[in-house]
């Protein structure tokens, strides 16, 4: 097979004889179908979870006829002003793949699937790596890591086991197994007695998985016990990025916007970055942007959040409509004016 015959990353992986799974890593980690990835990389569909003007992907692939080894690429592809992947950049990355590994992945084993340094690869942080490992291994039925059993034993008996002996990867595995009733029950029963370090670690991992109602309710109760603790609310809200308990999350966001918690810019960033899909009514969007405008007199926060949200296809039109809302406060009107003046100066 010649290089010229390969026209997409998806085609490369298929013609190389691999099985593969793709995960969108732009906001949280979500598996997407091979068809979705093909359409996105071919600029036929807009990636749903872009961040910093890029689409972010984790790709795990393997060829059982050659070895038991799995390979992972973390790839970020620039998007254009319309929200589509820039084809020239995708093609450049594809050329790098073929040049490094050959069109049939013949060099993958000896190079461990590694690509040379390039502008499209990225390294997730430690938490993301642990969660990607858990999520991807579960998706391809590899089983969890060697740290899973110890973590599972710990959450069932947190008063008798030293939490510091539990690996980060083990806690990530536990969260990836939240559809296990025993794990759900143990987290719901003992969450309030876990050390704060364990609580935070579990909550960080939860953003990458559907969180069942029992755990959502438990976390929500914990947050309400610490009504004025913005750090706990930051961790709690980010855990709800993919929860099934939509009503409870909506109520939590409204509580934030109607309390002094809205003075905390990090909480507002969590809402826009993880929970933007809850800004689904004009009233809640205006309330949110009013708080964002008030939280930072320089309006840098407002500009950053606005520019971030207009990249998301499912909320872009609603965010743009906010600019034309007739009954804005003076503060919000000033923030919008600053946005336009900044854009004009950039031009």
Protein backbone atom coordinates (compact mmCIF):
# COMPACT_ATOMS: atom_id res chain seq x y z
CA UNK A 1 0.00 0.00 0.00
CA UNK A 2 1.43 3.38 -0.97
CA UNK A 3 1.35 6.51 1.11
CA UNK A 4 -0.76 8.25 -1.52
CA UNK A 5 -3.59 5.77 -1.03
CA UNK A 6 -4.05 6.65 2.64
CA UNK A 7 -6.32 9.66 3.07
CA UNK A 8 -7.26 9.62 6.78
CA UNK A 9 -6.05 8.45 10.18
CA UNK A 10 -9.03 6.08 10.29
CA UNK A 11 -8.07 4.59 6.92
CA UNK A 12 -4.48 4.16 8.06
CA UNK A 13 -5.57 2.21 11.14
CA UNK A 14 -7.99 0.03 9.17
CA UNK A 15 -5.59 -0.77 6.34
CA UNK A 16 -2.85 -1.49 8.85
CA UNK A 17 -5.08 -4.30 10.10
CA UNK A 18 -5.71 -2.89 13.58
CA UNK A 19 -8.69 -2.75 15.85
CA UNK A 20 -9.02 0.67 17.44
CA UNK A 21 -11.11 2.79 19.76
CA UNK A 22 -11.23 6.58 19.86
CA UNK A 23 -11.90 8.78 22.89
CA UNK A 24 -12.64 12.48 22.80
CA UNK A 25 -10.49 14.12 25.50
CA UNK A 26 -11.36 17.76 24.90
CA UNK A 27 -13.45 18.38 28.02
CA UNK A 28 -13.69 15.05 29.76
CA UNK A 29 -12.99 11.57 28.37
CA UNK A 30 -15.83 10.20 26.22
CA UNK A 31 -15.65 7.33 23.79
CA UNK A 32 -16.81 8.21 20.29
CA UNK A 33 -17.59 5.86 17.42
CA UNK A 34 -15.17 5.19 14.59
CA UNK A 35 -17.69 6.79 12.23
CA UNK A 36 -17.84 9.96 14.34
CA UNK A 37 -14.06 10.17 14.36
CA UNK A 38 -13.88 9.64 10.60
CA UNK A 39 -16.39 12.41 9.95
CA UNK A 40 -14.63 14.77 12.35
CA UNK A 41 -11.13 14.23 11.01
CA UNK A 42 -12.46 14.62 7.44
CA UNK A 43 -14.08 17.97 8.40
CA UNK A 44 -17.53 16.56 7.64
CA UNK A 45 -18.75 17.06 11.23
CA UNK A 46 -17.76 19.41 14.03
CA UNK A 47 -16.09 17.88 17.11
CA UNK A 48 -18.45 18.40 20.05
CA UNK A 49 -15.94 18.96 22.84
CA UNK A 50 -13.23 21.24 21.48
CA UNK A 51 -10.94 23.15 23.79
CA UNK A 52 -8.29 25.81 23.14
CA UNK A 53 -9.17 25.75 19.42
CA UNK A 54 -8.27 22.08 19.09
CA UNK A 55 -10.01 18.71 18.99
CA UNK A 56 -8.32 16.32 21.42
CA UNK A 57 -8.27 12.56 20.92
CA UNK A 58 -6.92 9.47 22.63
CA UNK A 59 -6.62 6.53 20.21
CA UNK A 60 -5.87 3.00 21.37
CA UNK A 61 -5.17 0.39 18.70
CA UNK A 62 -3.88 -3.15 18.42
CA UNK A 63 -3.36 -6.00 15.97
CA UNK A 64 -3.82 -9.36 17.66
CA UNK A 65 -2.35 -11.17 14.66
CA UNK A 66 1.00 -9.50 15.34
CA UNK A 67 1.21 -9.14 19.13
CA UNK A 68 -0.76 -8.61 22.34
CA UNK A 69 0.58 -5.06 22.60
CA UNK A 70 -1.75 -2.06 22.52
CA UNK A 71 -0.52 1.31 21.29
CA UNK A 72 -1.83 4.73 22.26
CA UNK A 73 -1.69 8.05 20.48
CA UNK A 74 -2.82 11.29 22.06
CA UNK A 75 -3.55 13.68 19.21
CA UNK A 76 -4.74 17.29 19.11
CA UNK A 77 -5.90 18.69 15.78
CA UNK A 78 -6.51 22.42 15.23
CA UNK A 79 -10.01 23.56 14.32
CA UNK A 80 -10.88 26.47 12.06
CA UNK A 81 -13.20 29.41 12.75
CA UNK A 82 -16.23 27.30 11.75
CA UNK A 83 -15.39 24.55 14.26
CA UNK A 84 -14.12 21.97 11.75
CA UNK A 85 -10.77 20.15 11.90
CA UNK A 86 -8.16 21.82 9.70
CA UNK A 87 -7.59 19.25 6.95
CA UNK A 88 -4.05 20.39 6.18
CA UNK A 89 -2.99 19.69 9.78
CA UNK A 90 -4.66 16.28 9.78
CA UNK A 91 -2.85 15.46 6.54
CA UNK A 92 0.46 16.60 8.00
CA UNK A 93 -0.03 14.35 11.02
CA UNK A 94 -0.95 11.47 8.71
CA UNK A 95 2.26 11.99 6.77
CA UNK A 96 4.21 11.87 10.04
CA UNK A 97 2.54 8.56 10.93
CA UNK A 98 3.32 6.91 7.61
CA UNK A 99 6.89 8.21 7.53
CA UNK A 100 7.55 6.98 11.07
CA UNK A 101 5.76 3.63 11.09
CA UNK A 102 5.16 2.68 7.47
CA UNK A 103 1.80 2.16 5.83
CA UNK A 104 1.45 -1.32 7.36
CA UNK A 105 2.71 -0.48 10.87
CA UNK A 106 5.71 -2.69 10.21
CA UNK A 107 7.86 -0.66 12.59
CA UNK A 108 5.26 -0.31 15.34
CA UNK A 109 6.53 -3.14 17.53
CA UNK A 110 10.14 -2.10 17.60
CA UNK A 111 9.19 1.55 18.06
CA UNK A 112 6.45 0.72 20.59
CA UNK A 113 4.00 2.63 18.44
CA UNK A 114 5.87 5.82 19.25
CA UNK A 115 5.81 8.74 16.84
CA UNK A 116 8.62 11.27 16.50
CA UNK A 117 8.16 14.61 18.19
CA UNK A 118 5.47 16.53 16.35
CA UNK A 119 3.10 19.47 16.93
CA UNK A 120 -0.02 17.27 17.14
CA UNK A 121 0.86 14.91 19.98
CA UNK A 122 0.16 15.81 23.60
CA UNK A 123 0.74 14.24 26.98
CA UNK A 124 -2.27 14.15 29.33
CA UNK A 125 -1.75 14.93 32.99
CA UNK A 126 -1.40 12.15 35.56
CA UNK A 127 -5.11 12.03 36.40
CA UNK A 128 -6.14 11.93 32.74
CA UNK A 129 -3.64 9.16 32.02
CA UNK A 130 -5.01 7.05 34.87
CA UNK A 131 -8.61 7.59 33.75
CA UNK A 132 -7.81 6.96 30.09
CA UNK A 133 -6.07 3.74 31.07
CA UNK A 134 -9.10 2.59 33.10
CA UNK A 135 -11.67 3.65 30.53
CA UNK A 136 -9.86 2.26 27.49
CA UNK A 137 -9.00 -1.07 29.15
CA UNK A 138 -12.63 -1.51 30.14
CA UNK A 139 -13.77 -0.64 26.61
CA UNK A 140 -11.65 -3.40 25.06
CA UNK A 141 -12.30 -5.92 27.87
CA UNK A 142 -8.71 -6.04 29.13
CA UNK A 143 -9.69 -5.89 32.79
CA UNK A 144 -8.45 -3.33 35.28
CA UNK A 145 -4.93 -2.77 36.53
CA UNK A 146 -3.07 -4.62 39.27
CA UNK A 147 -4.10 -1.83 41.68
CA UNK A 148 -7.85 -2.41 41.37
CA UNK A 149 -8.26 -5.08 44.07
CA UNK A 150 -6.51 -3.07 46.78
CA UNK A 151 -8.60 0.01 45.97
CA UNK A 152 -11.81 -2.02 45.99
CA UNK A 153 -10.92 -3.46 49.40
CA UNK A 154 -10.11 0.02 50.70
CA UNK A 155 -13.43 1.64 49.76
CA UNK A 156 -15.23 -1.18 51.57
CA UNK A 157 -13.15 -0.71 54.76
CA UNK A 158 -11.73 2.81 54.76
CA UNK A 159 -11.42 2.94 58.55
CA UNK A 160 -9.02 -0.01 58.76
CA UNK A 161 -6.80 0.49 55.69
CA UNK A 162 -4.28 3.29 55.22
CA UNK A 163 -5.44 5.34 52.23
CA UNK A 164 -1.85 6.27 51.43
CA UNK A 165 -1.21 2.67 50.34
CA UNK A 166 -3.81 3.00 47.55
CA UNK A 167 -2.53 3.87 44.07
CA UNK A 168 -4.03 6.66 41.97
CA UNK A 169 -4.59 4.11 39.20
CA UNK A 170 -6.55 1.90 41.60
CA UNK A 171 -8.96 4.73 42.45
CA UNK A 172 -9.36 5.51 38.73
CA UNK A 173 -10.20 1.84 38.15
CA UNK A 174 -12.79 1.94 40.93
CA UNK A 175 -14.58 4.88 39.34
CA UNK A 176 -14.47 3.19 35.93
CA UNK A 177 -16.32 0.30 37.57
CA UNK A 178 -19.13 2.44 39.00
CA UNK A 179 -21.76 0.26 37.37
CA UNK A 180 -20.76 -2.36 39.96
CA UNK A 181 -23.45 -2.19 42.67
CA UNK A 182 -21.00 -3.01 45.48
CA UNK A 183 -18.75 -0.11 44.50
CA UNK A 184 -21.72 2.25 44.21
CA UNK A 185 -22.93 1.26 47.65
CA UNK A 186 -19.49 1.55 49.27
CA UNK A 187 -18.84 4.99 47.85
CA UNK A 188 -22.30 6.19 48.86
CA UNK A 189 -21.90 4.80 52.38
CA UNK A 190 -18.35 5.88 53.13
CA UNK A 191 -17.72 8.94 50.99
CA UNK A 192 -18.09 11.30 53.95
CA UNK A 193 -15.41 9.41 55.93
CA UNK A 194 -12.83 9.16 53.17
CA UNK A 195 -9.88 11.53 53.65
CA UNK A 196 -10.28 14.65 51.55
CA UNK A 197 -7.42 13.52 49.28
CA UNK A 198 -9.37 10.36 48.39
CA UNK A 199 -12.61 12.30 48.00
CA UNK A 200 -11.01 14.72 45.56
CA UNK A 201 -9.34 11.95 43.60
CA UNK A 202 -12.60 10.05 43.20
CA UNK A 203 -14.42 13.22 42.13
CA UNK A 204 -11.74 14.09 39.57
CA UNK A 205 -12.10 10.65 37.99
CA UNK A 206 -15.89 10.77 38.05
CA UNK A 207 -15.98 13.55 35.46
CA UNK A 208 -14.97 10.95 32.88
CA UNK A 209 -17.80 8.51 33.57
CA UNK A 210 -21.59 8.40 33.92
CA UNK A 211 -22.14 8.76 37.67
CA UNK A 212 -25.19 6.86 39.00
CA UNK A 213 -27.88 8.69 40.94
CA UNK A 214 -26.94 7.11 44.26
CA UNK A 215 -23.42 8.54 44.09
CA UNK A 216 -24.66 11.86 42.72
CA UNK A 217 -27.03 12.23 45.67
CA UNK A 218 -24.29 11.32 48.13
CA UNK A 219 -21.87 13.87 46.67
CA UNK A 220 -24.58 16.52 46.54
CA UNK A 221 -25.33 16.00 50.24
CA UNK A 222 -21.61 16.32 51.01
CA UNK A 223 -21.44 19.58 49.05
CA UNK A 224 -24.42 21.00 50.94
CA UNK A 225 -22.71 20.10 54.24
CA UNK A 226 -19.89 22.40 53.10
CA UNK A 227 -22.01 25.18 51.66
CA UNK A 228 -19.30 27.83 51.75
CA UNK A 229 -16.34 25.68 50.68
CA UNK A 230 -15.67 26.67 47.06
CA UNK A 231 -12.93 24.05 46.65
CA UNK A 232 -15.30 21.22 47.55
CA UNK A 233 -17.93 22.65 45.23
CA UNK A 234 -15.40 22.82 42.40
CA UNK A 235 -14.58 19.14 42.79
CA UNK A 236 -18.22 18.18 43.28
CA UNK A 237 -19.45 20.01 40.20
CA UNK A 238 -16.74 18.65 37.93
CA UNK A 239 -17.71 15.13 39.01
CA UNK A 240 -21.15 15.73 37.50
CA UNK A 241 -19.95 16.28 33.92
CA UNK A 242 -21.49 13.00 32.78
CA UNK A 243 -23.87 12.18 35.63
CA UNK A 244 -27.34 10.79 35.04
CA UNK A 245 -28.77 13.00 37.82
CA UNK A 246 -29.59 16.01 35.65
CA UNK A 247 -32.15 17.65 37.93
CA UNK A 248 -29.83 17.67 40.94
CA UNK A 249 -27.01 19.21 38.92
CA UNK A 250 -29.27 21.93 37.52
CA UNK A 251 -30.32 22.82 41.05
CA UNK A 252 -26.68 22.91 42.20
CA UNK A 253 -25.74 25.31 39.40
CA UNK A 254 -28.65 27.58 40.25
CA UNK A 255 -27.57 27.54 43.89
CA UNK A 256 -24.06 28.61 42.88
CA UNK A 257 -25.36 31.44 40.71
CA UNK A 258 -27.65 32.67 43.49
CA UNK A 259 -25.05 32.63 46.27
CA UNK A 260 -21.66 34.08 47.12
CA UNK A 261 -20.11 30.96 45.56
CA UNK A 262 -20.53 32.75 42.23
CA UNK A 263 -17.77 35.14 43.30
CA UNK A 264 -15.33 32.27 42.77
CA UNK A 265 -14.03 32.40 39.21
CA UNK A 266 -12.85 28.77 39.31
CA UNK A 267 -16.40 27.59 39.96
CA UNK A 268 -17.64 29.58 36.98
CA UNK A 269 -14.91 28.02 34.83
CA UNK A 270 -15.98 24.54 35.98
CA UNK A 271 -19.55 25.29 34.89
CA UNK A 272 -18.49 26.56 31.48
CA UNK A 273 -15.85 23.90 30.90
CA UNK A 274 -17.65 20.80 32.21
CA UNK A 275 -21.34 21.68 32.59
CA UNK A 276 -22.04 24.06 29.69
CA UNK A 277 -24.90 21.78 28.55
CA UNK A 278 -26.84 22.87 31.64
CA UNK A 279 -26.85 26.46 30.36
CA UNK A 280 -29.82 25.40 28.26
CA UNK A 281 -32.26 28.21 28.88
CA UNK A 282 -31.97 31.92 28.23
CA UNK A 283 -32.59 32.72 31.90
CA UNK A 284 -29.80 30.50 33.20
CA UNK A 285 -27.37 31.67 30.49
CA UNK A 286 -27.98 35.33 31.28
CA UNK A 287 -27.64 34.65 35.02
CA UNK A 288 -24.38 32.80 34.37
CA UNK A 289 -22.87 35.51 32.18
CA UNK A 290 -24.00 38.22 34.62
CA UNK A 291 -21.99 36.44 37.34
CA UNK A 292 -19.00 35.97 35.03
CA UNK A 293 -19.02 39.68 34.18
CA UNK A 294 -19.20 40.62 37.87
CA UNK A 295 -16.48 38.20 39.01
CA UNK A 296 -13.65 39.95 37.18
CA UNK A 297 -13.75 43.75 36.68
CA UNK A 298 -11.15 43.49 33.90
CA UNK A 299 -13.58 41.29 31.95
CA UNK A 300 -10.74 38.92 31.04
CA UNK A 301 -12.70 36.02 32.58
CA UNK A 302 -15.78 36.97 30.56
CA UNK A 303 -13.77 37.14 27.35
CA UNK A 304 -12.09 33.80 28.00
CA UNK A 305 -15.31 31.96 28.84
CA UNK A 306 -17.17 33.52 25.92
CA UNK A 307 -14.44 32.56 23.46
CA UNK A 308 -14.39 29.04 24.89
CA UNK A 309 -18.15 28.47 24.70
CA UNK A 310 -18.62 29.78 21.16
CA UNK A 311 -16.37 26.91 20.00
CA UNK A 312 -18.95 24.36 21.16
CA UNK A 313 -21.43 23.54 18.38
CA UNK A 314 -24.38 22.76 20.64
CA UNK A 315 -24.32 26.11 22.46
CA UNK A 316 -22.61 28.48 20.01
CA UNK A 317 -25.79 30.08 18.65
CA UNK A 318 -27.26 30.58 22.12
CA UNK A 319 -24.07 32.23 23.38
CA UNK A 320 -23.99 34.58 20.39
CA UNK A 321 -27.66 35.41 20.98
CA UNK A 322 -26.75 36.48 24.52
CA UNK A 323 -24.82 39.40 23.03
CA UNK A 324 -28.06 40.78 21.61
CA UNK A 325 -30.15 40.23 24.75
CA UNK A 326 -31.98 43.57 25.30
CA UNK A 327 -32.25 43.55 29.11
CA UNK A 328 -28.60 43.13 30.10
CA UNK A 329 -27.35 44.73 33.29
CA UNK A 330 -24.86 47.57 33.06
CA UNK A 331 -22.11 45.17 34.13
CA UNK A 332 -22.94 42.62 31.43
CA UNK A 333 -23.35 45.35 28.81
CA UNK A 334 -19.91 46.67 29.73
CA UNK A 335 -18.44 43.15 29.43
CA UNK A 336 -19.98 42.73 25.98
CA UNK A 337 -18.69 46.15 24.96
CA UNK A 338 -15.20 45.18 26.12
CA UNK A 339 -15.47 41.98 24.09
CA UNK A 340 -16.26 43.89 20.90
CA UNK A 341 -13.56 46.50 21.49
CA UNK A 342 -10.95 43.80 22.14
CA UNK A 343 -11.95 42.01 18.94
CA UNK A 344 -11.75 45.24 16.98
CA UNK A 345 -8.29 46.00 18.37
CA UNK A 346 -7.10 42.52 17.36
CA UNK A 347 -8.27 43.17 13.82
